Amino acid sequence: MKESGKGLISTEKKQEMAVIAGVDYPALEGRMDEFLDELEQLITTAGAIPVKRFTQKLPHPNPKYYFGSGKLNDLTEWVKSNGVDMVVFDDDLPEVDEYVPPQLLDDDLEVVLELVVP
């Protein structure tokens, strides 16, 4: 809770900001935008605000860092300079410790690796 200018206590909760990240590769059969739209709706329903999408067209996700190094640098810099709370990947990231780019790991940043909807 924060104290407002008139001595009142605000109970308003800050909405989390989310960035959506995805690689557009042939197995998606041109449906990348459809998948990201659905993911954006899920993020909004969960109470966060999707603020930007980072996508890259590749033959397959980069085996080391998902994106290529240039796109990864763009994502990392944008996230850190815009106060983003979470990055949501539109893909399973199997080896979390090896797959999530170390420059994205931060105490204040949540990396959502898989979104499971019952």
PDB file of N, CA and C in Angstrom:
ATOM      1  N   MET A   1       0.845  -1.186   0.000  1.00  0.00           N
ATOM      2  CA  MET A   1       0.000   0.000   0.000  1.00  0.00           C
ATOM      3  C   MET A   1       0.882   1.238   0.000  1.00  0.00           C
ATOM      4  N   LYS A   2       0.471   2.225  -0.722  1.00  0.00           N
ATOM      5  CA  LYS A   2       1.200   3.486  -0.786  1.00  0.00           C
ATOM      6  C   LYS A   2       0.339   4.602  -0.241  1.00  0.00           C
ATOM      7  N   GLU A   3       1.019   5.594   0.310  1.00  0.00           N
ATOM      8  CA  GLU A   3       0.303   6.753   0.817  1.00  0.00           C
ATOM      9  C   GLU A   3       0.127   7.749  -0.315  1.00  0.00           C
ATOM     10  N   SER A   4      -1.068   8.225  -0.505  1.00  0.00           N
ATOM     11  CA  SER A   4      -1.315   9.199  -1.567  1.00  0.00           C
ATOM     12  C   SER A   4      -1.000  10.600  -1.042  1.00  0.00           C
ATOM     13  N   GLY A   5      -1.118  11.577  -1.910  1.00  0.00           N
ATOM     14  CA  GLY A   5      -0.795  12.955  -1.565  1.00  0.00           C
ATOM     15  C   GLY A   5      -1.642  13.533  -0.445  1.00  0.00           C
ATOM     16  N   LYS A   6      -2.826  13.025  -0.193  1.00  0.00           N
ATOM     17  CA  LYS A   6      -3.712  13.568   0.838  1.00  0.00           C
ATOM     18  C   LYS A   6      -3.701  12.731   2.101  1.00  0.00           C
ATOM     19  N   GLY A   7      -2.675  11.887   2.281  1.00  0.00           N
ATOM     20  CA  GLY A   7      -2.582  11.086   3.480  1.00  0.00           C
ATOM     21  C   GLY A   7      -3.428   9.826   3.443  1.00  0.00           C
ATOM     22  N   LEU A   8      -4.077   9.552   2.317  1.00  0.00           N
ATOM     23  CA  LEU A   8      -4.882   8.345   2.189  1.00  0.00           C
ATOM     24  C   LEU A   8      -4.013   7.201   1.688  1.00  0.00           C
ATOM     25  N   ILE A   9      -4.395   6.012   2.000  1.00  0.00           N
ATOM     26  CA  ILE A   9      -3.644   4.845   1.555  1.00  0.00           C
ATOM     27  C   ILE A   9      -4.330   4.251   0.331  1.00  0.00           C
ATOM     28  N   SER A  10      -3.555   4.086  -0.720  1.00  0.00           N
ATOM     29  CA  SER A  10      -4.079   3.516  -1.955  1.00  0.00           C
ATOM     30  C   SER A  10      -3.926   2.001  -1.920  1.00  0.00           C
ATOM     31  N   THR A  11      -4.976   1.298  -2.294  1.00  0.00           N
ATOM     32  CA  THR A  11      -4.910  -0.165  -2.376  1.00  0.00           C
ATOM     33  C   THR A  11      -4.825  -0.630  -3.825  1.00  0.00           C
ATOM     34  N   GLU A  12      -4.642   0.329  -4.714  1.00  0.00           N
ATOM     35  CA  GLU A  12      -4.566   0.017  -6.134  1.00  0.00           C
ATOM     36  C   GLU A  12      -3.300  -0.780  -6.434  1.00  0.00           C
ATOM     37  N   LYS A  13      -3.483  -1.904  -7.133  1.00  0.00           N
ATOM     38  CA  LYS A  13      -2.363  -2.762  -7.494  1.00  0.00           C
ATOM     39  C   LYS A  13      -1.887  -2.409  -8.902  1.00  0.00           C
ATOM     40  N   LYS A  14      -0.579  -2.285  -9.061  1.00  0.00           N
ATOM     41  CA  LYS A  14      -0.003  -1.989 -10.371  1.00  0.00           C
ATOM     42  C   LYS A  14      -0.177  -3.212 -11.266  1.00  0.00           C
ATOM     43  N   GLN A  15      -0.682  -2.986 -12.479  1.00  0.00           N
ATOM     44  CA  GLN A  15      -0.803  -4.093 -13.421  1.00  0.00           C
ATOM     45  C   GLN A  15       0.566  -4.445 -13.965  1.00  0.00           C
ATOM     46  N   GLU A  16       0.836  -5.741 -14.065  1.00  0.00           N
ATOM     47  CA  GLU A  16       2.110  -6.189 -14.601  1.00  0.00           C
ATOM     48  C   GLU A  16       2.135  -5.989 -16.111  1.00  0.00           C
ATOM     49  N   MET A  17       3.305  -5.646 -16.618  1.00  0.00           N
ATOM     50  CA  MET A  17       3.492  -5.496 -18.062  1.00  0.00           C
ATOM     51  C   MET A  17       4.180  -6.746 -18.595  1.00  0.00           C
ATOM     52  N   ALA A  18       3.680  -7.237 -19.725  1.00  0.00           N
ATOM     53  CA  ALA A  18       4.205  -8.465 -20.312  1.00  0.00           C
ATOM     54  C   ALA A  18       4.637  -8.238 -21.755  1.00  0.00           C
ATOM     55  N   VAL A  19       5.736  -8.879 -22.125  1.00  0.00           N
ATOM     56  CA  VAL A  19       6.196  -8.925 -23.507  1.00  0.00           C
ATOM     57  C   VAL A  19       5.977 -10.351 -23.990  1.00  0.00           C
ATOM     58  N   ILE A  20       5.481 -10.480 -25.207  1.00  0.00           N
ATOM     59  CA  ILE A  20       5.258 -11.785 -25.816  1.00  0.00           C
ATOM     60  C   ILE A  20       6.400 -12.048 -26.792  1.00  0.00           C
ATOM     61  N   ALA A  21       6.969 -13.256 -26.717  1.00  0.00           N
ATOM     62  CA  ALA A  21       8.091 -13.607 -27.583  1.00  0.00           C
ATOM     63  C   ALA A  21       7.776 -14.897 -28.334  1.00  0.00           C
ATOM     64  N   GLY A  22       8.042 -14.893 -29.646  1.00  0.00           N
ATOM     65  CA  GLY A  22       7.782 -16.098 -30.423  1.00  0.00           C
ATOM     66  C   GLY A  22       8.623 -16.171 -31.681  1.00  0.00           C
ATOM     67  N   VAL A  23       8.959 -17.397 -32.074  1.00  0.00           N
ATOM     68  CA  VAL A  23       9.676 -17.649 -33.325  1.00  0.00           C
ATOM     69  C   VAL A  23       8.680 -18.208 -34.330  1.00  0.00           C
ATOM     70  N   ASP A  24       8.650 -17.597 -35.501  1.00  0.00           N
ATOM     71  CA  ASP A  24       7.780 -18.050 -36.584  1.00  0.00           C
ATOM     72  C   ASP A  24       8.591 -19.006 -37.457  1.00  0.00           C
ATOM     73  N   TYR A  25       8.307 -20.291 -37.339  1.00  0.00           N
ATOM     74  CA  TYR A  25       9.033 -21.300 -38.119  1.00  0.00           C
ATOM     75  C   TYR A  25       8.030 -22.129 -38.913  1.00  0.00           C
ATOM     76  N   PRO A  26       8.489 -22.844 -39.957  1.00  0.00           N
ATOM     77  CA  PRO A  26       7.574 -23.511 -40.890  1.00  0.00           C
ATOM     78  C   PRO A  26       6.527 -24.430 -40.253  1.00  0.00           C
ATOM     79  N   ALA A  27       6.845 -25.079 -39.157  1.00  0.00           N
ATOM     80  CA  ALA A  27       5.884 -25.991 -38.528  1.00  0.00           C
ATOM     81  C   ALA A  27       4.614 -25.275 -38.059  1.00  0.00           C
ATOM     82  N   LEU A  28       4.676 -23.962 -37.890  1.00  0.00           N
ATOM     83  CA  LEU A  28       3.492 -23.200 -37.462  1.00  0.00           C
ATOM     84  C   LEU A  28       2.522 -22.946 -38.604  1.00  0.00           C
ATOM     85  N   GLU A  29       2.943 -23.259 -39.809  1.00  0.00           N
ATOM     86  CA  GLU A  29       2.094 -23.164 -41.004  1.00  0.00           C
ATOM     87  C   GLU A  29       1.434 -21.803 -41.163  1.00  0.00           C
ATOM     88  N   GLY A  30       2.184 -20.726 -40.898  1.00  0.00           N
ATOM     89  CA  GLY A  30       1.663 -19.374 -41.096  1.00  0.00           C
ATOM     90  C   GLY A  30       0.656 -18.914 -40.063  1.00  0.00           C
ATOM     91  N   ARG A  31       0.565 -19.592 -38.938  1.00  0.00           N
ATOM     92  CA  ARG A  31      -0.445 -19.257 -37.931  1.00  0.00           C
ATOM     93  C   ARG A  31       0.128 -18.501 -36.733  1.00  0.00           C
ATOM     94  N   MET A  32       1.311 -17.942 -36.869  1.00  0.00           N
ATOM     95  CA  MET A  32       1.978 -17.258 -35.760  1.00  0.00           C
ATOM     96  C   MET A  32       1.112 -16.157 -35.155  1.00  0.00           C
ATOM     97  N   ASP A  33       0.570 -15.282 -35.976  1.00  0.00           N
ATOM     98  CA  ASP A  33      -0.255 -14.186 -35.446  1.00  0.00           C
ATOM     99  C   ASP A  33      -1.457 -14.707 -34.674  1.00  0.00           C
ATOM    100  N   GLU A  34      -2.076 -15.755 -35.174  1.00  0.00           N
ATOM    101  CA  GLU A  34      -3.222 -16.365 -34.487  1.00  0.00           C
ATOM    102  C   GLU A  34      -2.816 -16.859 -33.096  1.00  0.00           C
ATOM    103  N   PHE A  35      -1.671 -17.529 -33.005  1.00  0.00           N
ATOM    104  CA  PHE A  35      -1.198 -18.044 -31.721  1.00  0.00           C
ATOM    105  C   PHE A  35      -0.841 -16.911 -30.758  1.00  0.00           C
ATOM    106  N   LEU A  36      -0.221 -15.860 -31.278  1.00  0.00           N
ATOM    107  CA  LEU A  36       0.147 -14.734 -30.418  1.00  0.00           C
ATOM    108  C   LEU A  36      -1.078 -13.947 -29.971  1.00  0.00           C
ATOM    109  N   ASP A  37      -2.094 -13.838 -30.838  1.00  0.00           N
ATOM    110  CA  ASP A  37      -3.352 -13.186 -30.439  1.00  0.00           C
ATOM    111  C   ASP A  37      -3.995 -13.938 -29.282  1.00  0.00           C
ATOM    112  N   GLU A  38      -4.010 -15.261 -29.379  1.00  0.00           N
ATOM    113  CA  GLU A  38      -4.589 -16.082 -28.308  1.00  0.00           C
ATOM    114  C   GLU A  38      -3.791 -15.925 -27.014  1.00  0.00           C
ATOM    115  N   LEU A  39      -2.478 -15.919 -27.125  1.00  0.00           N
ATOM    116  CA  LEU A  39      -1.627 -15.748 -25.950  1.00  0.00           C
ATOM    117  C   LEU A  39      -1.848 -14.370 -25.327  1.00  0.00           C
ATOM    118  N   GLU A  40      -2.019 -13.359 -26.153  1.00  0.00           N
ATOM    119  CA  GLU A  40      -2.282 -12.011 -25.657  1.00  0.00           C
ATOM    120  C   GLU A  40      -3.595 -11.963 -24.874  1.00  0.00           C
ATOM    121  N   GLN A  41      -4.621 -12.645 -25.373  1.00  0.00           N
ATOM    122  CA  GLN A  41      -5.898 -12.701 -24.656  1.00  0.00           C
ATOM    123  C   GLN A  41      -5.746 -13.394 -23.300  1.00  0.00           C
ATOM    124  N   LEU A  42      -4.967 -14.461 -23.257  1.00  0.00           N
ATOM    125  CA  LEU A  42      -4.740 -15.173 -21.992  1.00  0.00           C
ATOM    126  C   LEU A  42      -4.000 -14.303 -20.989  1.00  0.00           C
ATOM    127  N   ILE A  43      -3.014 -13.558 -21.467  1.00  0.00           N
ATOM    128  CA  ILE A  43      -2.253 -12.663 -20.588  1.00  0.00           C
ATOM    129  C   ILE A  43      -3.165 -11.577 -20.029  1.00  0.00           C
ATOM    130  N   THR A  44      -4.003 -11.012 -20.884  1.00  0.00           N
ATOM    131  CA  THR A  44      -4.940  -9.972 -20.450  1.00  0.00           C
ATOM    132  C   THR A  44      -5.932 -10.533 -19.435  1.00  0.00           C
ATOM    133  N   THR A  45      -6.448 -11.729 -19.696  1.00  0.00           N
ATOM    134  CA  THR A  45      -7.379 -12.376 -18.768  1.00  0.00           C
ATOM    135  C   THR A  45      -6.724 -12.619 -17.407  1.00  0.00           C
ATOM    136  N   ALA A  46      -5.431 -12.901 -17.417  1.00  0.00           N
ATOM    137  CA  ALA A  46      -4.700 -13.140 -16.166  1.00  0.00           C
ATOM    138  C   ALA A  46      -4.402 -11.835 -15.422  1.00  0.00           C
ATOM    139  N   GLY A  47      -4.719 -10.679 -16.036  1.00  0.00           N
ATOM    140  CA  GLY A  47      -4.570  -9.406 -15.350  1.00  0.00           C
ATOM    141  C   GLY A  47      -3.336  -8.610 -15.714  1.00  0.00           C
ATOM    142  N   ALA A  48      -2.547  -9.079 -16.666  1.00  0.00           N
ATOM    143  CA  ALA A  48      -1.360  -8.335 -17.094  1.00  0.00           C
ATOM    144  C   ALA A  48      -1.671  -7.555 -18.369  1.00  0.00           C
ATOM    145  N   ILE A  49      -0.776  -6.654 -18.724  1.00  0.00           N
ATOM    146  CA  ILE A  49      -0.940  -5.846 -19.925  1.00  0.00           C
ATOM    147  C   ILE A  49       0.137  -6.241 -20.935  1.00  0.00           C
ATOM    148  N   PRO A  50      -0.259  -6.841 -22.066  1.00  0.00           N
ATOM    149  CA  PRO A  50       0.730  -7.128 -23.111  1.00  0.00           C
ATOM    150  C   PRO A  50       1.141  -5.811 -23.770  1.00  0.00           C
ATOM    151  N   VAL A  51       2.427  -5.486 -23.705  1.00  0.00           N
ATOM    152  CA  VAL A  51       2.870  -4.184 -24.198  1.00  0.00           C
ATOM    153  C   VAL A  51       3.642  -4.257 -25.511  1.00  0.00           C
ATOM    154  N   LYS A  52       4.168  -5.420 -25.858  1.00  0.00           N
ATOM    155  CA  LYS A  52       4.945  -5.532 -27.088  1.00  0.00           C
ATOM    156  C   LYS A  52       5.120  -7.000 -27.452  1.00  0.00           C
ATOM    157  N   ARG A  53       5.289  -7.231 -28.755  1.00  0.00           N
ATOM    158  CA  ARG A  53       5.594  -8.569 -29.264  1.00  0.00           C
ATOM    159  C   ARG A  53       6.980  -8.543 -29.898  1.00  0.00           C
ATOM    160  N   PHE A  54       7.749  -9.570 -29.609  1.00  0.00           N
ATOM    161  CA  PHE A  54       9.026  -9.769 -30.285  1.00  0.00           C
ATOM    162  C   PHE A  54       8.933 -11.086 -31.027  1.00  0.00           C
ATOM    163  N   THR A  55       9.056 -11.022 -32.346  1.00  0.00           N
ATOM    164  CA  THR A  55       9.005 -12.237 -33.150  1.00  0.00           C
ATOM    165  C   THR A  55      10.178 -12.260 -34.111  1.00  0.00           C
ATOM    166  N   GLN A  56      10.511 -13.460 -34.548  1.00  0.00           N
ATOM    167  CA  GLN A  56      11.561 -13.620 -35.540  1.00  0.00           C
ATOM    168  C   GLN A  56      11.218 -14.819 -36.404  1.00  0.00           C
ATOM    169  N   LYS A  57      11.407 -14.661 -37.700  1.00  0.00           N
ATOM    170  CA  LYS A  57      11.157 -15.753 -38.639  1.00  0.00           C
ATOM    171  C   LYS A  57      12.470 -16.531 -38.798  1.00  0.00           C
ATOM    172  N   LEU A  58      12.431 -17.808 -38.442  1.00  0.00           N
ATOM    173  CA  LEU A  58      13.607 -18.681 -38.521  1.00  0.00           C
ATOM    174  C   LEU A  58      13.175 -20.058 -39.017  1.00  0.00           C
ATOM    175  N   PRO A  59      14.100 -20.853 -39.553  1.00  0.00           N
ATOM    176  CA  PRO A  59      13.750 -22.220 -39.954  1.00  0.00           C
ATOM    177  C   PRO A  59      13.338 -23.078 -38.752  1.00  0.00           C
ATOM    178  N   HIS A  60      13.869 -22.747 -37.585  1.00  0.00           N
ATOM    179  CA  HIS A  60      13.537 -23.412 -36.319  1.00  0.00           C
ATOM    180  C   HIS A  60      14.086 -22.532 -35.200  1.00  0.00           C
ATOM    181  N   PRO A  61      13.564 -22.666 -33.975  1.00  0.00           N
ATOM    182  CA  PRO A  61      14.108 -21.861 -32.882  1.00  0.00           C
ATOM    183  C   PRO A  61      15.606 -22.134 -32.704  1.00  0.00           C
ATOM    184  N   ASN A  62      16.347 -21.087 -32.374  1.00  0.00           N
ATOM    185  CA  ASN A  62      17.771 -21.222 -32.117  1.00  0.00           C
ATOM    186  C   ASN A  62      17.971 -22.205 -30.961  1.00  0.00           C
ATOM    187  N   PRO A  63      18.796 -23.245 -31.140  1.00  0.00           N
ATOM    188  CA  PRO A  63      18.935 -24.258 -30.092  1.00  0.00           C
ATOM    189  C   PRO A  63      19.569 -23.746 -28.802  1.00  0.00           C
ATOM    190  N   LYS A  64      20.239 -22.606 -28.867  1.00  0.00           N
ATOM    191  CA  LYS A  64      20.869 -22.100 -27.650  1.00  0.00           C
ATOM    192  C   LYS A  64      20.012 -21.062 -26.931  1.00  0.00           C
ATOM    193  N   TYR A  65      19.475 -20.084 -27.682  1.00  0.00           N
ATOM    194  CA  TYR A  65      18.768 -18.972 -27.035  1.00  0.00           C
ATOM    195  C   TYR A  65      17.398 -18.668 -27.623  1.00  0.00           C
ATOM    196  N   TYR A  66      16.821 -19.604 -28.359  1.00  0.00           N
ATOM    197  CA  TYR A  66      15.489 -19.444 -28.946  1.00  0.00           C
ATOM    198  C   TYR A  66      15.511 -18.484 -30.126  1.00  0.00           C
ATOM    199  N   PHE A  67      15.837 -17.200 -29.906  1.00  0.00           N
ATOM    200  CA  PHE A  67      15.992 -16.227 -30.982  1.00  0.00           C
ATOM    201  C   PHE A  67      17.434 -16.238 -31.477  1.00  0.00           C
ATOM    202  N   GLY A  68      17.669 -15.501 -32.566  1.00  0.00           N
ATOM    203  CA  GLY A  68      19.037 -15.226 -32.961  1.00  0.00           C
ATOM    204  C   GLY A  68      19.627 -14.184 -32.009  1.00  0.00           C
ATOM    205  N   SER A  69      20.933 -14.027 -32.022  1.00  0.00           N
ATOM    206  CA  SER A  69      21.587 -13.142 -31.047  1.00  0.00           C
ATOM    207  C   SER A  69      21.151 -11.679 -31.186  1.00  0.00           C
ATOM    208  N   GLY A  70      20.930 -11.184 -32.400  1.00  0.00           N
ATOM    209  CA  GLY A  70      20.501  -9.795 -32.576  1.00  0.00           C
ATOM    210  C   GLY A  70      19.123  -9.541 -31.990  1.00  0.00           C
ATOM    211  N   LYS A  71      18.169 -10.421 -32.275  1.00  0.00           N
ATOM    212  CA  LYS A  71      16.804 -10.282 -31.752  1.00  0.00           C
ATOM    213  C   LYS A  71      16.808 -10.435 -30.233  1.00  0.00           C
ATOM    214  N   LEU A  72      17.640 -11.348 -29.740  1.00  0.00           N
ATOM    215  CA  LEU A  72      17.755 -11.532 -28.296  1.00  0.00           C
ATOM    216  C   LEU A  72      18.254 -10.250 -27.632  1.00  0.00           C
ATOM    217  N   ASN A  73      19.242  -9.601 -28.230  1.00  0.00           N
ATOM    218  CA  ASN A  73      19.741  -8.339 -27.674  1.00  0.00           C
ATOM    219  C   ASN A  73      18.657  -7.274 -27.698  1.00  0.00           C
ATOM    220  N   ASP A  74      17.890  -7.188 -28.796  1.00  0.00           N
ATOM    221  CA  ASP A  74      16.787  -6.229 -28.888  1.00  0.00           C
ATOM    222  C   ASP A  74      15.767  -6.471 -27.772  1.00  0.00           C
ATOM    223  N   LEU A  75      15.383  -7.724 -27.605  1.00  0.00           N
ATOM    224  CA  LEU A  75      14.411  -8.096 -26.571  1.00  0.00           C
ATOM    225  C   LEU A  75      14.932  -7.718 -25.187  1.00  0.00           C
ATOM    226  N   THR A  76      16.151  -8.104 -24.898  1.00  0.00           N
ATOM    227  CA  THR A  76      16.736  -7.849 -23.581  1.00  0.00           C
ATOM    228  C   THR A  76      16.797  -6.355 -23.280  1.00  0.00           C
ATOM    229  N   GLU A  77      17.280  -5.574 -24.218  1.00  0.00           N
ATOM    230  CA  GLU A  77      17.392  -4.128 -23.998  1.00  0.00           C
ATOM    231  C   GLU A  77      16.020  -3.488 -23.816  1.00  0.00           C
ATOM    232  N   TRP A  78      15.041  -3.892 -24.633  1.00  0.00           N
ATOM    233  CA  TRP A  78      13.708  -3.303 -24.533  1.00  0.00           C
ATOM    234  C   TRP A  78      13.063  -3.637 -23.192  1.00  0.00           C
ATOM    235  N   VAL A  79      13.174  -4.894 -22.778  1.00  0.00           N
ATOM    236  CA  VAL A  79      12.591  -5.331 -21.509  1.00  0.00           C
ATOM    237  C   VAL A  79      13.193  -4.552 -20.346  1.00  0.00           C
ATOM    238  N   LYS A  80      14.499  -4.452 -20.319  1.00  0.00           N
ATOM    239  CA  LYS A  80      15.163  -3.780 -19.193  1.00  0.00           C
ATOM    240  C   LYS A  80      14.926  -2.272 -19.194  1.00  0.00           C
ATOM    241  N   SER A  81      14.808  -1.647 -20.353  1.00  0.00           N
ATOM    242  CA  SER A  81      14.634  -0.194 -20.385  1.00  0.00           C
ATOM    243  C   SER A  81      13.173   0.241 -20.243  1.00  0.00           C
ATOM    244  N   ASN A  82      12.227  -0.696 -20.282  1.00  0.00           N
ATOM    245  CA  ASN A  82      10.807  -0.331 -20.210  1.00  0.00           C
ATOM    246  C   ASN A  82      10.089  -0.880 -18.984  1.00  0.00           C
ATOM    247  N   GLY A  83      10.817  -1.392 -18.029  1.00  0.00           N
ATOM    248  CA  GLY A  83      10.205  -1.835 -16.776  1.00  0.00           C
ATOM    249  C   GLY A  83       9.226  -2.982 -16.923  1.00  0.00           C
ATOM    250  N   VAL A  84       9.491  -3.878 -17.849  1.00  0.00           N
ATOM    251  CA  VAL A  84       8.615  -5.023 -18.086  1.00  0.00           C
ATOM    252  C   VAL A  84       8.728  -6.013 -16.930  1.00  0.00           C
ATOM    253  N   ASP A  85       7.595  -6.593 -16.533  1.00  0.00           N
ATOM    254  CA  ASP A  85       7.566  -7.528 -15.416  1.00  0.00           C
ATOM    255  C   ASP A  85       7.740  -8.980 -15.831  1.00  0.00           C
ATOM    256  N   MET A  86       7.337  -9.309 -17.067  1.00  0.00           N
ATOM    257  CA  MET A  86       7.437 -10.706 -17.488  1.00  0.00           C
ATOM    258  C   MET A  86       7.589 -10.812 -18.996  1.00  0.00           C
ATOM    259  N   VAL A  87       8.239 -11.894 -19.402  1.00  0.00           N
ATOM    260  CA  VAL A  87       8.335 -12.251 -20.817  1.00  0.00           C
ATOM    261  C   VAL A  87       7.646 -13.594 -20.962  1.00  0.00           C
ATOM    262  N   VAL A  88       6.686 -13.664 -21.871  1.00  0.00           N
ATOM    263  CA  VAL A  88       5.924 -14.892 -22.093  1.00  0.00           C
ATOM    264  C   VAL A  88       6.311 -15.441 -23.462  1.00  0.00           C
ATOM    265  N   PHE A  89       6.884 -16.635 -23.469  1.00  0.00           N
ATOM    266  CA  PHE A  89       7.287 -17.277 -24.718  1.00  0.00           C
ATOM    267  C   PHE A  89       6.145 -18.130 -25.253  1.00  0.00           C
ATOM    268  N   ASP A  90       5.914 -18.028 -26.546  1.00  0.00           N
ATOM    269  CA  ASP A  90       4.862 -18.812 -27.191  1.00  0.00           C
ATOM    270  C   ASP A  90       5.440 -20.132 -27.690  1.00  0.00           C
ATOM    271  N   ASP A  91       6.043 -20.860 -26.786  1.00  0.00           N
ATOM    272  CA  ASP A  91       6.659 -22.132 -27.139  1.00  0.00           C
ATOM    273  C   ASP A  91       7.116 -22.792 -25.856  1.00  0.00           C
ATOM    274  N   ASP A  92       7.263 -24.091 -25.879  1.00  0.00           N
ATOM    275  CA  ASP A  92       7.866 -24.785 -24.749  1.00  0.00           C
ATOM    276  C   ASP A  92       9.367 -24.564 -24.817  1.00  0.00           C
ATOM    277  N   LEU A  93       9.965 -24.248 -23.692  1.00  0.00           N
ATOM    278  CA  LEU A  93      11.409 -24.097 -23.622  1.00  0.00           C
ATOM    279  C   LEU A  93      11.932 -25.236 -22.752  1.00  0.00           C
ATOM    280  N   PRO A  94      12.380 -26.321 -23.368  1.00  0.00           N
ATOM    281  CA  PRO A  94      12.638 -27.565 -22.642  1.00  0.00           C
ATOM    282  C   PRO A  94      13.737 -27.521 -21.586  1.00  0.00           C
ATOM    283  N   GLU A  95      14.866 -26.971 -21.871  1.00  0.00           N
ATOM    284  CA  GLU A  95      15.975 -26.940 -20.920  1.00  0.00           C
ATOM    285  C   GLU A  95      16.069 -25.543 -20.330  1.00  0.00           C
ATOM    286  N   VAL A  96      15.279 -25.290 -19.293  1.00  0.00           N
ATOM    287  CA  VAL A  96      15.135 -23.940 -18.765  1.00  0.00           C
ATOM    288  C   VAL A  96      16.478 -23.298 -18.439  1.00  0.00           C
ATOM    289  N   ASP A  97      17.329 -23.978 -17.691  1.00  0.00           N
ATOM    290  CA  ASP A  97      18.589 -23.376 -17.275  1.00  0.00           C
ATOM    291  C   ASP A  97      19.497 -23.059 -18.457  1.00  0.00           C
ATOM    292  N   GLU A  98      19.431 -23.860 -19.498  1.00  0.00           N
ATOM    293  CA  GLU A  98      20.293 -23.635 -20.644  1.00  0.00           C
ATOM    294  C   GLU A  98      19.611 -22.788 -21.710  1.00  0.00           C
ATOM    295  N   TYR A  99      18.293 -22.827 -21.772  1.00  0.00           N
ATOM    296  CA  TYR A  99      17.557 -22.217 -22.879  1.00  0.00           C
ATOM    297  C   TYR A  99      17.213 -20.758 -22.646  1.00  0.00           C
ATOM    298  N   VAL A 100      16.922 -20.397 -21.405  1.00  0.00           N
ATOM    299  CA  VAL A 100      16.553 -19.016 -21.133  1.00  0.00           C
ATOM    300  C   VAL A 100      17.824 -18.170 -21.149  1.00  0.00           C
ATOM    301  N   PRO A 101      17.853 -17.158 -21.984  1.00  0.00           N
ATOM    302  CA  PRO A 101      19.043 -16.319 -22.081  1.00  0.00           C
ATOM    303  C   PRO A 101      19.407 -15.709 -20.734  1.00  0.00           C
ATOM    304  N   PRO A 102      20.647 -15.867 -20.299  1.00  0.00           N
ATOM    305  CA  PRO A 102      21.034 -15.365 -18.976  1.00  0.00           C
ATOM    306  C   PRO A 102      20.806 -13.867 -18.824  1.00  0.00           C
ATOM    307  N   GLN A 103      20.907 -13.118 -19.915  1.00  0.00           N
ATOM    308  CA  GLN A 103      20.696 -11.684 -19.798  1.00  0.00           C
ATOM    309  C   GLN A 103      19.248 -11.330 -19.507  1.00  0.00           C
ATOM    310  N   LEU A 104      18.325 -12.278 -19.703  1.00  0.00           N
ATOM    311  CA  LEU A 104      16.922 -12.029 -19.365  1.00  0.00           C
ATOM    312  C   LEU A 104      16.616 -12.374 -17.915  1.00  0.00           C
ATOM    313  N   LEU A 105      17.469 -13.169 -17.288  1.00  0.00           N
ATOM    314  CA  LEU A 105      17.208 -13.567 -15.915  1.00  0.00           C
ATOM    315  C   LEU A 105      17.533 -12.411 -14.980  1.00  0.00           C
ATOM    316  N   ASP A 106      16.561 -12.016 -14.190  1.00  0.00           N
ATOM    317  CA  ASP A 106      16.674 -10.851 -13.340  1.00  0.00           C
ATOM    318  C   ASP A 106      15.718 -11.077 -12.177  1.00  0.00           C
ATOM    319  N   ASP A 107      16.077 -10.614 -11.000  1.00  0.00           N
ATOM    320  CA  ASP A 107      15.214 -10.805  -9.831  1.00  0.00           C
ATOM    321  C   ASP A 107      13.836 -10.185 -10.006  1.00  0.00           C
ATOM    322  N   ASP A 108      13.741  -9.129 -10.804  1.00  0.00           N
ATOM    323  CA  ASP A 108      12.475  -8.417 -10.962  1.00  0.00           C
ATOM    324  C   ASP A 108      11.691  -8.844 -12.192  1.00  0.00           C
ATOM    325  N   LEU A 109      12.207  -9.803 -12.961  1.00  0.00           N
ATOM    326  CA  LEU A 109      11.569 -10.192 -14.213  1.00  0.00           C
ATOM    327  C   LEU A 109      11.126 -11.647 -14.132  1.00  0.00           C
ATOM    328  N   GLU A 110       9.880 -11.873 -14.457  1.00  0.00           N
ATOM    329  CA  GLU A 110       9.345 -13.225 -14.472  1.00  0.00           C
ATOM    330  C   GLU A 110       9.357 -13.715 -15.919  1.00  0.00           C
ATOM    331  N   VAL A 111       9.948 -14.875 -16.135  1.00  0.00           N
ATOM    332  CA  VAL A 111       9.956 -15.469 -17.472  1.00  0.00           C
ATOM    333  C   VAL A 111       8.960 -16.620 -17.455  1.00  0.00           C
ATOM    334  N   VAL A 112       7.897 -16.474 -18.209  1.00  0.00           N
ATOM    335  CA  VAL A 112       6.858 -17.498 -18.255  1.00  0.00           C
ATOM    336  C   VAL A 112       7.231 -18.449 -19.380  1.00  0.00           C
ATOM    337  N   LEU A 113       7.523 -19.689 -19.013  1.00  0.00           N
ATOM    338  CA  LEU A 113       8.026 -20.649 -19.966  1.00  0.00           C
ATOM    339  C   LEU A 113       6.927 -21.463 -20.611  1.00  0.00           C
ATOM    340  N   GLU A 114       5.858 -21.650 -19.917  1.00  0.00           N
ATOM    341  CA  GLU A 114       4.775 -22.441 -20.483  1.00  0.00           C
ATOM    342  C   GLU A 114       3.479 -21.990 -19.836  1.00  0.00           C
ATOM    343  N   LEU A 115       2.469 -21.800 -20.632  1.00  0.00           N
ATOM    344  CA  LEU A 115       1.168 -21.381 -20.112  1.00  0.00           C
ATOM    345  C   LEU A 115       0.223 -22.564 -20.266  1.00  0.00           C
ATOM    346  N   VAL A 116      -0.250 -23.077 -19.157  1.00  0.00           N
ATOM    347  CA  VAL A 116      -1.123 -24.245 -19.189  1.00  0.00           C
ATOM    348  C   VAL A 116      -2.535 -23.796 -18.867  1.00  0.00           C
ATOM    349  N   VAL A 117      -3.454 -24.110 -19.743  1.00  0.00           N
ATOM    350  CA  VAL A 117      -4.853 -23.754 -19.541  1.00  0.00           C
ATOM    351  C   VAL A 117      -5.647 -25.035 -19.398  1.00  0.00           C
ATOM    352  N   PRO A 118      -6.348 -25.204 -18.266  1.00  0.00           N
ATOM    353  CA  PRO A 118      -7.118 -26.444 -18.062  1.00  0.00           C
ATOM    354  C   PRO A 118      -8.263 -26.579 -19.051  1.00  0.00           C
TER     355      PRO A 118
END
